[in-house]
Amino acid sequence: MHETAAAPAWVMLAYLISGVCFILALRGLSSPESSRRGNRFGMTGMAIALATTLVHYVPHAAPAPGLDSYVGPDWMAIGEVLVAIAIGAAIGLVMARRIAMTAMPQLVAAFHSLVGLAAVAVAAAAFLNPIAFGIADAAGVIHQVSRIEMGLGVAIGAVTFSGSVIAFLKLNGNMSGKPIILPLRHVINLGTLAVIVGLVGYFTQDQSPWIFWTVTALSFLIGFLLIIPIGGADMPVVVSMLNSYSGWAAAAMGFTLQNSAMIITGALVGSSGAILSYIMCRAMNRNFISVIAGGFGGDAIAAGAEAAIDRPWKRGSAEDAAFLMKQAELVVIAPGYGMAVAQAQHALREMADLLKKEGVTVKYAIHPVAGRMPGHMNVLLAEANVPYDEVFELEDINSEFSRADVAFVIGANDVTNPAAKTDKTSPIYGMPVLDVEKAKTVLFVKRSMGGVGYAGVDNELFYRDNTMMLLADAKKMVEEIVKAMG
């Protein structure tokens, strides 16, 4: 069932074509305008790789005792493979149709966990039956290089699975988004990682089962320990980091299976995820190692507990907002996770269309880590058919706020907090934020004054003289503004 050096040229060519499709997919996904084309390239590449594997590596029935002749395909095994594909395809189709855009980060984390678990399952199968996988001699002694690949694959896969499970629980609200700080966590984490690395090295000299299963168990454990202390503000980095891990796990298993398609795909996912993690850390002014070490935001809880009612703030209405925006020349909209939860993107686009009819220029400001995963806001706005040329990234839009008449903030809390620039005691200090406070008027849509952002800190913007709070469900408030404009 594994690929060998004697694989026909057409198989290698098909895998090469699928790899090119994956590269084109990544290139297409770099821009909203070409994202649909990128998705099509990705689906085409995966279809080619899957079809090639199914056609070339058809399970063959074992010959009868004493016979050494070809007896045809193993239809039972083929049927099992096709049933498994059908079940997976049905689950994927149902999930794709039913999943809400607000739950997309959770879905991504869940998919990462499945990739990690698949890597662990492949490594376990290869360890239990190495001869069938072609990675051992006739006596069952696994090749040394295969032990390295197997050890790395099972370790990375297990970390990806357990880490993704914790990320899913935090994103889905089943577990608090606040950092869960364990005593001596750094000592425990570093010690566990050192033991895993040592055992993987020892596995190259001794393939005893206890070594393999100990590496597997410790890797599952360290995945939990690494992600539990990470606060909600760092979740976008965690999601992209786990994406990278899942790719490297797949690549490692590709070497074990000697399958070039898995190696190419895994390397592309792993490297692109690592680059994205680096970009996210730069956007948050974070050191990647410090994020992975966990615990960021732990000191923010006390700060976030300040009672907002003890500080003066101004409340506005939908009518106030409609009047101010209709009189404006430039309105910059800063969407955040609150917009996603309320599913207010369509009402927001309707509001923007009415403003444009009044001659108002409308732009959207997207922070790299707004939402719960990279690109979350871009996806939601694209779903609402917001024109791509009205959507700008942080570095392109920040200079516009100083000349904007109105900054309309809808559910974006941490990424608009001026404390990131002024308060050295704030856990988000140093993180680049949208300069919404520079607008003449800031309209801030929020459910209530009692809550804080996902980082657990209060937002200084609420109490500025030029800020007007619009307290309501985001979708309901925008719909009321639309009515007031009519």
Protein backbone atom coordinates (compact mmCIF):
# COMPACT_ATOMS: atom_id res chain seq x y z
CA MET A 1 0.00 0.00 0.00
CA HIS A 2 2.97 2.36 0.34
CA GLU A 3 4.67 4.26 -2.46
CA THR A 4 8.10 3.04 -3.57
CA ALA A 5 10.83 4.35 -5.83
CA ALA A 6 9.43 2.10 -8.56
CA ALA A 7 6.13 3.99 -8.71
CA PRO A 8 5.11 4.63 -12.35
CA ALA A 9 5.96 7.97 -13.87
CA TRP A 10 2.29 8.91 -14.23
CA VAL A 11 1.81 8.59 -10.46
CA MET A 12 4.72 10.93 -9.73
CA LEU A 13 3.48 13.33 -12.41
CA ALA A 14 -0.04 13.32 -10.95
CA TYR A 15 1.34 14.09 -7.49
CA LEU A 16 3.45 16.87 -8.95
CA ILE A 17 0.37 18.39 -10.62
CA SER A 18 -1.56 18.18 -7.35
CA GLY A 19 1.34 19.91 -5.59
CA VAL A 20 1.29 22.72 -8.15
CA CYS A 21 -2.47 23.07 -7.59
CA PHE A 22 -1.88 23.41 -3.84
CA ILE A 23 0.70 26.13 -4.42
CA LEU A 24 -1.71 27.99 -6.70
CA ALA A 25 -4.40 27.55 -4.03
CA LEU A 26 -2.23 29.25 -1.42
CA ARG A 27 -1.46 32.03 -3.84
CA GLY A 28 -5.14 32.51 -4.61
CA LEU A 29 -6.13 32.57 -0.95
CA SER A 30 -3.78 35.50 -0.33
CA SER A 31 -6.36 37.90 -1.75
CA PRO A 32 -10.18 38.11 -1.40
CA GLU A 33 -10.52 38.70 -5.15
CA SER A 34 -8.81 35.42 -6.02
CA SER A 35 -9.89 33.32 -3.04
CA ARG A 36 -12.60 31.44 -4.92
CA ARG A 37 -10.13 30.48 -7.62
CA GLY A 38 -7.66 29.44 -4.94
CA ASN A 39 -10.25 27.16 -3.35
CA ARG A 40 -10.96 25.56 -6.71
CA PHE A 41 -7.25 24.88 -7.24
CA GLY A 42 -7.05 23.32 -3.78
CA MET A 43 -10.04 21.05 -4.39
CA THR A 44 -8.67 20.04 -7.79
CA GLY A 45 -5.28 19.21 -6.33
CA MET A 46 -6.79 17.11 -3.57
CA ALA A 47 -9.06 15.28 -6.02
CA ILE A 48 -6.07 14.43 -8.24
CA ALA A 49 -3.99 13.20 -5.30
CA LEU A 50 -6.83 11.13 -3.88
CA ALA A 51 -7.81 9.59 -7.23
CA THR A 52 -4.19 8.75 -8.02
CA THR A 53 -3.72 7.01 -4.69
CA LEU A 54 -6.96 5.04 -5.03
CA VAL A 55 -6.24 3.94 -8.60
CA HIS A 56 -2.58 3.01 -8.22
CA TYR A 57 -2.57 1.54 -4.71
CA VAL A 58 -5.55 -0.75 -5.08
CA PRO A 59 -5.53 -3.44 -2.35
CA HIS A 60 -4.83 -6.86 -3.83
CA ALA A 61 -6.21 -10.10 -2.49
CA ALA A 62 -3.63 -12.48 -1.05
CA PRO A 63 -2.99 -15.60 -3.15
CA ALA A 64 -4.07 -18.96 -1.83
CA PRO A 65 -1.47 -20.98 0.11
CA GLY A 66 1.11 -22.45 -2.22
CA LEU A 67 0.22 -20.04 -5.04
CA ASP A 68 2.29 -17.04 -6.08
CA SER A 69 0.05 -15.66 -8.78
CA TYR A 70 -2.02 -12.48 -9.02
CA VAL A 71 -5.60 -13.14 -7.92
CA GLY A 72 -7.12 -9.69 -8.48
CA PRO A 73 -8.26 -6.80 -6.31
CA ASP A 74 -9.37 -7.26 -2.72
CA TRP A 75 -12.93 -6.06 -3.18
CA MET A 76 -13.65 -6.25 0.54
CA ALA A 77 -10.80 -3.86 1.34
CA ILE A 78 -11.78 -1.61 -1.57
CA GLY A 79 -15.34 -1.49 -0.29
CA GLU A 80 -14.14 -0.55 3.20
CA VAL A 81 -12.04 2.29 1.76
CA LEU A 82 -14.93 3.61 -0.33
CA VAL A 83 -17.33 3.44 2.62
CA ALA A 84 -14.85 5.39 4.76
CA ILE A 85 -14.52 8.02 2.03
CA ALA A 86 -18.29 8.27 1.67
CA ILE A 87 -18.78 8.71 5.42
CA GLY A 88 -16.09 11.39 5.59
CA ALA A 89 -17.47 13.19 2.54
CA ALA A 90 -21.01 13.14 3.95
CA ILE A 91 -19.86 14.55 7.28
CA GLY A 92 -17.83 17.24 5.55
CA LEU A 93 -20.71 18.20 3.28
CA VAL A 94 -23.19 18.49 6.14
CA MET A 95 -20.77 20.51 8.27
CA ALA A 96 -19.92 22.87 5.41
CA ARG A 97 -23.60 23.57 4.78
CA ARG A 98 -24.65 23.97 8.40
CA ILE A 99 -21.69 25.66 10.03
CA ALA A 100 -22.23 29.29 10.95
CA MET A 101 -19.54 31.78 10.02
CA THR A 102 -19.24 32.67 13.71
CA ALA A 103 -18.22 29.07 14.42
CA MET A 104 -15.60 28.92 11.68
CA PRO A 105 -12.64 29.24 14.11
CA GLN A 106 -13.97 26.30 16.12
CA LEU A 107 -14.35 24.31 12.92
CA VAL A 108 -10.77 25.04 11.91
CA ALA A 109 -9.52 23.94 15.33
CA ALA A 110 -11.59 20.75 15.09
CA PHE A 111 -10.15 19.96 11.64
CA HIS A 112 -6.62 20.47 12.97
CA SER A 113 -7.35 17.97 15.74
CA LEU A 114 -8.48 15.40 13.17
CA VAL A 115 -5.30 15.85 11.12
CA GLY A 116 -3.21 15.35 14.24
CA LEU A 117 -5.18 12.28 15.28
CA ALA A 118 -4.84 10.83 11.76
CA ALA A 119 -1.06 11.25 11.97
CA VAL A 120 -1.02 9.42 15.30
CA ALA A 121 -3.17 6.61 13.85
CA VAL A 122 -0.90 6.20 10.81
CA ALA A 123 2.21 6.16 12.99
CA ALA A 124 0.65 3.57 15.30
CA ALA A 125 -0.37 1.38 12.36
CA ALA A 126 3.12 1.62 10.88
CA PHE A 127 4.71 0.75 14.22
CA LEU A 128 2.45 -2.25 14.78
CA ASN A 129 2.91 -3.63 11.23
CA PRO A 130 6.11 -2.11 9.80
CA ILE A 131 6.69 -4.83 7.21
CA ALA A 132 3.36 -4.06 5.51
CA PHE A 133 4.40 -0.41 5.29
CA GLY A 134 7.77 -1.32 3.80
CA ILE A 135 9.76 0.37 6.57
CA ALA A 136 11.31 -2.74 8.12
CA ASP A 137 13.36 -5.77 7.16
CA ALA A 138 12.03 -9.32 7.09
CA ALA A 139 12.66 -9.66 10.83
CA GLY A 140 10.49 -6.64 11.61
CA VAL A 141 13.33 -4.31 12.56
CA ILE A 142 12.25 -0.79 11.56
CA HIS A 143 14.74 1.24 9.54
CA GLN A 144 16.44 3.90 11.64
CA VAL A 145 15.38 6.80 9.44
CA SER A 146 11.78 5.54 9.56
CA ARG A 147 11.94 5.54 13.35
CA ILE A 148 12.90 9.22 13.29
CA GLU A 149 10.02 10.03 10.92
CA MET A 150 7.60 7.96 12.96
CA GLY A 151 8.67 9.47 16.29
CA LEU A 152 8.41 13.03 15.01
CA GLY A 153 5.10 12.33 13.28
CA VAL A 154 3.40 10.80 16.32
CA ALA A 155 4.77 13.52 18.64
CA ILE A 156 3.68 16.44 16.46
CA GLY A 157 0.36 14.77 15.64
CA ALA A 158 -0.48 14.14 19.29
CA VAL A 159 0.43 17.71 20.29
CA THR A 160 -1.73 19.01 17.42
CA PHE A 161 -4.70 16.89 18.48
CA SER A 162 -4.75 17.70 22.18
CA GLY A 163 -3.81 21.36 21.64
CA SER A 164 -6.59 21.73 19.06
CA VAL A 165 -9.12 20.20 21.44
CA ILE A 166 -8.30 22.84 24.08
CA ALA A 167 -8.39 25.59 21.45
CA PHE A 168 -11.81 24.37 20.30
CA LEU A 169 -13.17 24.33 23.85
CA LYS A 170 -11.92 27.87 24.49
CA LEU A 171 -13.21 29.22 21.20
CA ASN A 172 -16.57 27.51 21.63
CA GLY A 173 -17.07 28.82 25.15
CA ASN A 174 -16.93 25.39 26.82
CA MET A 175 -13.77 26.52 28.60
CA SER A 176 -12.93 29.99 29.85
CA GLY A 177 -10.94 32.12 27.42
CA LYS A 178 -8.93 33.42 30.35
CA PRO A 179 -5.45 31.98 30.84
CA ILE A 180 -5.41 29.00 33.19
CA ILE A 181 -2.07 29.42 34.93
CA LEU A 182 -0.58 26.20 36.29
CA PRO A 183 2.11 26.34 39.01
CA LEU A 184 5.62 25.67 37.68
CA ARG A 185 4.14 25.40 34.20
CA HIS A 186 7.37 26.39 32.42
CA VAL A 187 9.40 23.81 34.34
CA ILE A 188 6.80 21.11 33.67
CA ASN A 189 6.48 22.00 29.97
CA LEU A 190 10.22 22.19 29.33
CA GLY A 191 10.82 19.00 31.27
CA THR A 192 8.13 17.13 29.35
CA LEU A 193 9.42 18.39 26.01
CA ALA A 194 12.96 17.37 26.93
CA VAL A 195 11.78 13.85 27.83
CA ILE A 196 9.89 13.58 24.52
CA VAL A 197 12.92 14.66 22.51
CA GLY A 198 15.15 12.28 24.46
CA LEU A 199 12.79 9.35 23.95
CA VAL A 200 12.48 10.05 20.21
CA GLY A 201 16.27 9.97 20.03
CA TYR A 202 16.39 6.74 22.05
CA PHE A 203 13.70 5.27 19.78
CA THR A 204 16.21 5.37 16.92
CA GLN A 205 18.32 2.86 18.85
CA ASP A 206 15.60 0.76 20.47
CA GLN A 207 12.13 0.18 19.01
CA SER A 208 10.63 -1.19 22.22
CA PRO A 209 6.87 -0.58 22.38
CA TRP A 210 7.07 1.25 25.71
CA ILE A 211 9.17 3.99 24.12
CA PHE A 212 6.73 4.61 21.26
CA TRP A 213 3.65 4.65 23.48
CA THR A 214 5.33 6.81 26.12
CA VAL A 215 6.21 9.38 23.46
CA THR A 216 2.59 9.28 22.28
CA ALA A 217 1.14 9.73 25.77
CA LEU A 218 3.53 12.55 26.74
CA SER A 219 2.86 14.33 23.46
CA PHE A 220 -0.89 14.25 24.10
CA LEU A 221 -0.21 15.65 27.57
CA ILE A 222 2.08 18.48 26.46
CA GLY A 223 -0.51 19.60 23.90
CA PHE A 224 -2.97 20.21 26.74
CA LEU A 225 -0.36 21.87 28.94
CA LEU A 226 0.84 24.25 26.21
CA ILE A 227 -2.56 25.61 25.19
CA ILE A 228 -4.37 25.80 28.55
CA PRO A 229 -2.31 28.81 29.81
CA ILE A 230 -2.76 30.78 26.59
CA GLY A 231 -5.29 33.59 26.87
CA GLY A 232 -8.05 34.46 24.45
CA ALA A 233 -6.19 37.43 23.00
CA ASP A 234 -3.59 35.07 21.55
CA MET A 235 -6.11 32.65 20.02
CA PRO A 236 -5.49 33.81 16.42
CA VAL A 237 -1.82 32.90 16.85
CA VAL A 238 -2.76 29.56 18.39
CA VAL A 239 -5.06 28.69 15.47
CA SER A 240 -2.39 29.47 12.87
CA MET A 241 0.26 27.68 14.96
CA LEU A 242 -1.85 24.51 15.17
CA ASN A 243 -2.40 24.78 11.43
CA SER A 244 1.37 24.68 11.01
CA TYR A 245 1.70 21.71 13.37
CA SER A 246 -0.89 19.74 11.45
CA GLY A 247 1.07 20.29 8.25
CA TRP A 248 4.35 19.10 9.71
CA ALA A 249 2.63 16.05 11.19
CA ALA A 250 1.24 15.17 7.76
CA ALA A 251 4.65 15.70 6.14
CA ALA A 252 6.34 13.42 8.67
CA MET A 253 3.79 10.69 7.99
CA GLY A 254 4.32 11.25 4.28
CA PHE A 255 7.93 10.20 4.75
CA THR A 256 6.84 7.15 6.73
CA LEU A 257 4.40 6.16 3.97
CA GLN A 258 6.92 7.24 1.30
CA ASN A 259 4.15 9.26 -0.31
CA SER A 260 5.32 12.40 -2.06
CA ALA A 261 1.84 13.96 -2.20
CA MET A 262 1.59 13.96 1.60
CA ILE A 263 5.10 15.36 1.93
CA ILE A 264 4.38 18.23 -0.47
CA THR A 265 0.99 19.03 1.05
CA GLY A 266 2.22 18.81 4.61
CA ALA A 267 5.25 20.99 3.92
CA LEU A 268 3.08 23.65 2.26
CA VAL A 269 0.59 23.71 5.13
CA GLY A 270 3.33 23.64 7.75
CA SER A 271 5.41 26.43 6.24
CA SER A 272 2.43 28.66 5.40
CA GLY A 273 1.05 28.20 8.92
CA ALA A 274 4.41 29.10 10.43
CA ILE A 275 4.63 32.25 8.28
CA LEU A 276 1.08 33.20 9.24
CA SER A 277 1.90 32.70 12.93
CA TYR A 278 4.87 35.03 12.53
CA ILE A 279 2.67 37.64 10.83
CA MET A 280 0.11 37.36 13.63
CA CYS A 281 2.78 37.79 16.29
CA ARG A 282 4.08 40.89 14.52
CA ALA A 283 0.53 42.25 14.36
CA MET A 284 0.21 41.78 18.12
CA ASN A 285 3.77 42.85 18.93
CA ARG A 286 4.27 39.44 20.50
CA ASN A 287 7.27 37.15 20.68
CA PHE A 288 6.27 33.80 19.23
CA ILE A 289 8.07 31.85 21.95
CA SER A 290 6.36 33.86 24.70
CA VAL A 291 2.96 33.10 23.18
CA ILE A 292 3.69 29.38 23.01
CA ALA A 293 4.96 29.45 26.60
CA GLY A 294 1.47 30.57 27.61
CA GLY A 295 0.09 32.72 30.38
CA PHE A 296 -0.33 35.94 28.41
CA GLY A 297 -3.22 37.97 29.78
CA GLY A 298 -3.18 36.44 33.24
CA ASP A 299 -2.69 39.80 34.92
CA ALA A 300 -5.45 41.38 32.88
CA ILE A 301 -8.29 39.87 34.81
CA ALA A 302 -8.02 42.25 37.71
CA ALA A 303 -7.81 45.22 35.38
CA GLY A 304 -10.82 44.00 33.46
CA ALA A 305 -12.82 43.75 36.65
CA GLU A 306 -12.99 47.52 37.04
CA ALA A 307 -16.58 48.67 37.23
CA ALA A 308 -17.33 50.66 34.12
CA ILE A 309 -20.14 52.54 35.90
CA ASP A 310 -17.57 54.33 38.07
CA ARG A 311 -16.39 56.30 35.04
CA PRO A 312 -18.42 58.78 33.00
CA TRP A 313 -19.46 57.81 29.48
CA LYS A 314 -21.94 58.99 26.88
CA ARG A 315 -24.82 56.93 25.55
CA GLY A 316 -26.30 57.44 22.12
CA SER A 317 -29.24 56.13 20.12
CA ALA A 318 -29.75 54.76 16.63
CA GLU A 319 -31.18 58.13 15.61
CA ASP A 320 -28.07 59.93 16.89
CA ALA A 321 -25.84 57.56 14.95
CA ALA A 322 -27.87 57.87 11.76
CA PHE A 323 -27.77 61.69 11.90
CA LEU A 324 -24.03 61.86 12.55
CA MET A 325 -23.13 59.43 9.78
CA LYS A 326 -25.43 61.02 7.19
CA GLN A 327 -23.70 64.36 7.81
CA ALA A 328 -20.23 62.84 7.49
CA GLU A 329 -17.89 62.85 4.53
CA LEU A 330 -15.90 59.78 5.60
CA VAL A 331 -17.09 56.90 7.80
CA VAL A 332 -14.63 54.15 8.71
CA ILE A 333 -16.19 50.91 9.99
CA ALA A 334 -14.13 48.68 12.32
CA PRO A 335 -15.78 45.25 12.64
CA GLY A 336 -14.95 42.69 15.31
CA TYR A 337 -16.13 39.46 16.86
CA GLY A 338 -19.26 41.14 18.24
CA MET A 339 -20.40 41.65 14.66
CA ALA A 340 -19.77 37.98 13.95
CA VAL A 341 -21.72 36.77 16.98
CA ALA A 342 -24.71 38.94 16.08
CA GLN A 343 -24.39 38.05 12.36
CA ALA A 344 -24.72 41.74 11.60
CA GLN A 345 -22.57 41.82 8.45
CA HIS A 346 -25.51 41.94 6.03
CA ALA A 347 -27.27 44.73 7.94
CA LEU A 348 -23.93 46.56 8.10
CA ARG A 349 -23.54 46.41 4.33
CA GLU A 350 -27.10 47.72 3.93
CA MET A 351 -26.25 50.63 6.21
CA ALA A 352 -23.09 51.35 4.21
CA ASP A 353 -25.06 51.28 0.95
CA LEU A 354 -27.48 53.89 2.31
CA LEU A 355 -24.58 56.08 3.41
CA LYS A 356 -23.00 55.88 -0.04
CA LYS A 357 -26.30 57.00 -1.57
CA GLU A 358 -26.03 60.07 0.65
CA GLY A 359 -22.58 60.78 -0.81
CA VAL A 360 -20.66 59.50 2.21
CA THR A 361 -17.37 57.64 1.61
CA VAL A 362 -17.35 54.34 3.49
CA LYS A 363 -14.28 52.26 4.29
CA TYR A 364 -13.75 49.15 6.41
CA ALA A 365 -10.77 48.80 8.75
CA ILE A 366 -9.61 45.21 9.40
CA HIS A 367 -7.20 44.40 12.19
CA PRO A 368 -5.09 41.26 11.52
CA VAL A 369 -6.32 39.56 14.70
CA ALA A 370 -9.91 40.80 14.79
CA GLY A 371 -12.19 37.86 15.51
CA ARG A 372 -11.02 34.42 16.53
CA MET A 373 -8.79 33.49 13.62
CA PRO A 374 -6.79 35.24 10.88
CA GLY A 375 -9.02 36.64 8.15
CA HIS A 376 -12.24 36.12 10.12
CA MET A 377 -13.61 39.60 9.39
CA ASN A 378 -12.60 39.47 5.72
CA VAL A 379 -14.60 36.27 5.30
CA LEU A 380 -17.69 37.72 6.97
CA LEU A 381 -17.60 40.90 4.88
CA ALA A 382 -17.09 38.90 1.70
CA GLU A 383 -20.12 36.80 2.64
CA ALA A 384 -22.15 40.03 2.79
CA ASN A 385 -20.83 41.08 -0.65
CA VAL A 386 -18.94 44.09 0.68
CA PRO A 387 -16.78 45.42 -2.22
CA TYR A 388 -13.16 44.37 -1.83
CA ASP A 389 -11.88 47.84 -2.66
CA GLU A 390 -13.60 49.23 0.45
CA VAL A 391 -11.78 46.84 2.81
CA PHE A 392 -8.38 47.90 4.15
CA GLU A 393 -5.82 46.34 6.46
CA LEU A 394 -4.53 48.12 9.57
CA GLU A 395 -1.36 49.57 8.03
CA ASP A 396 -3.34 50.96 5.08
CA ILE A 397 -6.24 52.49 7.01
CA ASN A 398 -4.79 53.85 10.26
CA SER A 399 -3.77 57.15 8.67
CA GLU A 400 -7.41 57.65 7.54
CA PHE A 401 -8.91 57.86 11.03
CA SER A 402 -7.53 61.35 11.69
CA ARG A 403 -9.59 62.73 8.82
CA ALA A 404 -12.67 60.53 9.39
CA ASP A 405 -15.81 62.21 10.66
CA VAL A 406 -17.10 58.98 12.21
CA ALA A 407 -15.42 55.75 13.26
CA PHE A 408 -18.12 53.10 13.59
CA VAL A 409 -16.80 50.31 15.83
CA ILE A 410 -19.01 47.24 15.85
CA GLY A 411 -17.89 44.60 18.30
CA ALA A 412 -14.13 45.24 18.00
CA ASN A 413 -12.87 45.68 21.54
CA ASP A 414 -9.23 44.76 22.14
CA VAL A 415 -8.03 45.83 18.69
CA THR A 416 -9.30 49.39 19.22
CA ASN A 417 -8.06 49.87 22.80
CA PRO A 418 -5.79 52.94 23.10
CA ALA A 419 -4.26 51.42 26.25
CA ALA A 420 -2.13 49.28 23.94
CA LYS A 421 -0.24 52.47 23.06
CA THR A 422 -0.19 54.30 26.39
CA ASP A 423 -0.51 51.93 29.36
CA LYS A 424 2.68 49.96 29.97
CA THR A 425 0.94 47.93 32.66
CA SER A 426 -1.71 46.66 30.23
CA PRO A 427 -1.28 43.08 28.99
CA ILE A 428 -1.95 44.30 25.45
CA TYR A 429 0.65 47.08 25.60
CA GLY A 430 2.64 47.26 22.39
CA MET A 431 0.02 45.55 20.24
CA PRO A 432 -0.71 47.66 17.14
CA VAL A 433 -4.35 48.78 17.25
CA LEU A 434 -6.74 50.65 15.01
CA ASP A 435 -6.47 54.40 15.70
CA VAL A 436 -10.23 54.88 15.89
CA GLU A 437 -9.92 57.41 18.74
CA LYS A 438 -8.49 59.92 16.25
CA ALA A 439 -11.81 60.25 14.43
CA LYS A 440 -14.01 63.27 15.19
CA THR A 441 -16.69 60.97 16.60
CA VAL A 442 -16.48 57.32 17.63
CA LEU A 443 -19.69 55.30 17.63
CA PHE A 444 -19.08 52.12 19.60
CA VAL A 445 -21.63 49.29 19.33
CA LYS A 446 -21.51 46.99 22.37
CA ARG A 447 -24.03 44.86 24.22
CA SER A 448 -23.37 46.44 27.62
CA MET A 449 -20.78 48.36 29.61
CA GLY A 450 -20.28 45.44 31.97
CA GLY A 451 -18.22 43.18 29.74
CA VAL A 452 -14.59 43.35 28.72
CA GLY A 453 -12.72 42.23 25.63
CA TYR A 454 -11.47 38.72 25.03
CA ALA A 455 -8.10 39.75 26.48
CA GLY A 456 -9.87 40.50 29.76
CA VAL A 457 -9.11 44.25 29.85
CA ASP A 458 -11.36 47.28 29.86
CA ASN A 459 -11.27 49.63 26.86
CA GLU A 460 -10.19 53.21 27.50
CA LEU A 461 -11.99 54.25 24.34
CA PHE A 462 -15.40 53.93 26.03
CA TYR A 463 -14.74 56.93 28.24
CA ARG A 464 -13.28 59.37 25.71
CA ASP A 465 -15.09 62.66 25.12
CA ASN A 466 -15.57 61.91 21.42
CA THR A 467 -17.02 58.41 22.01
CA MET A 468 -20.73 57.64 21.98
CA MET A 469 -21.77 54.20 23.20
CA LEU A 470 -24.55 52.37 21.33
CA LEU A 471 -25.55 49.63 23.74
CA ALA A 472 -27.51 46.85 22.04
CA ASP A 473 -27.14 43.68 20.05
CA ALA A 474 -25.02 44.62 17.04
CA LYS A 475 -27.48 43.41 14.41
CA LYS A 476 -30.46 45.03 16.13
CA MET A 477 -28.63 48.35 16.51
CA VAL A 478 -27.54 48.45 12.87
CA GLU A 479 -31.05 47.60 11.70
CA GLU A 480 -32.42 50.46 13.83
CA ILE A 481 -29.85 52.81 12.33
CA VAL A 482 -30.92 51.71 8.84
CA LYS A 483 -34.57 52.50 9.73
CA ALA A 484 -33.56 55.88 11.11
CA MET A 485 -31.74 56.69 7.88
CA GLY A 486 -34.83 55.90 5.87
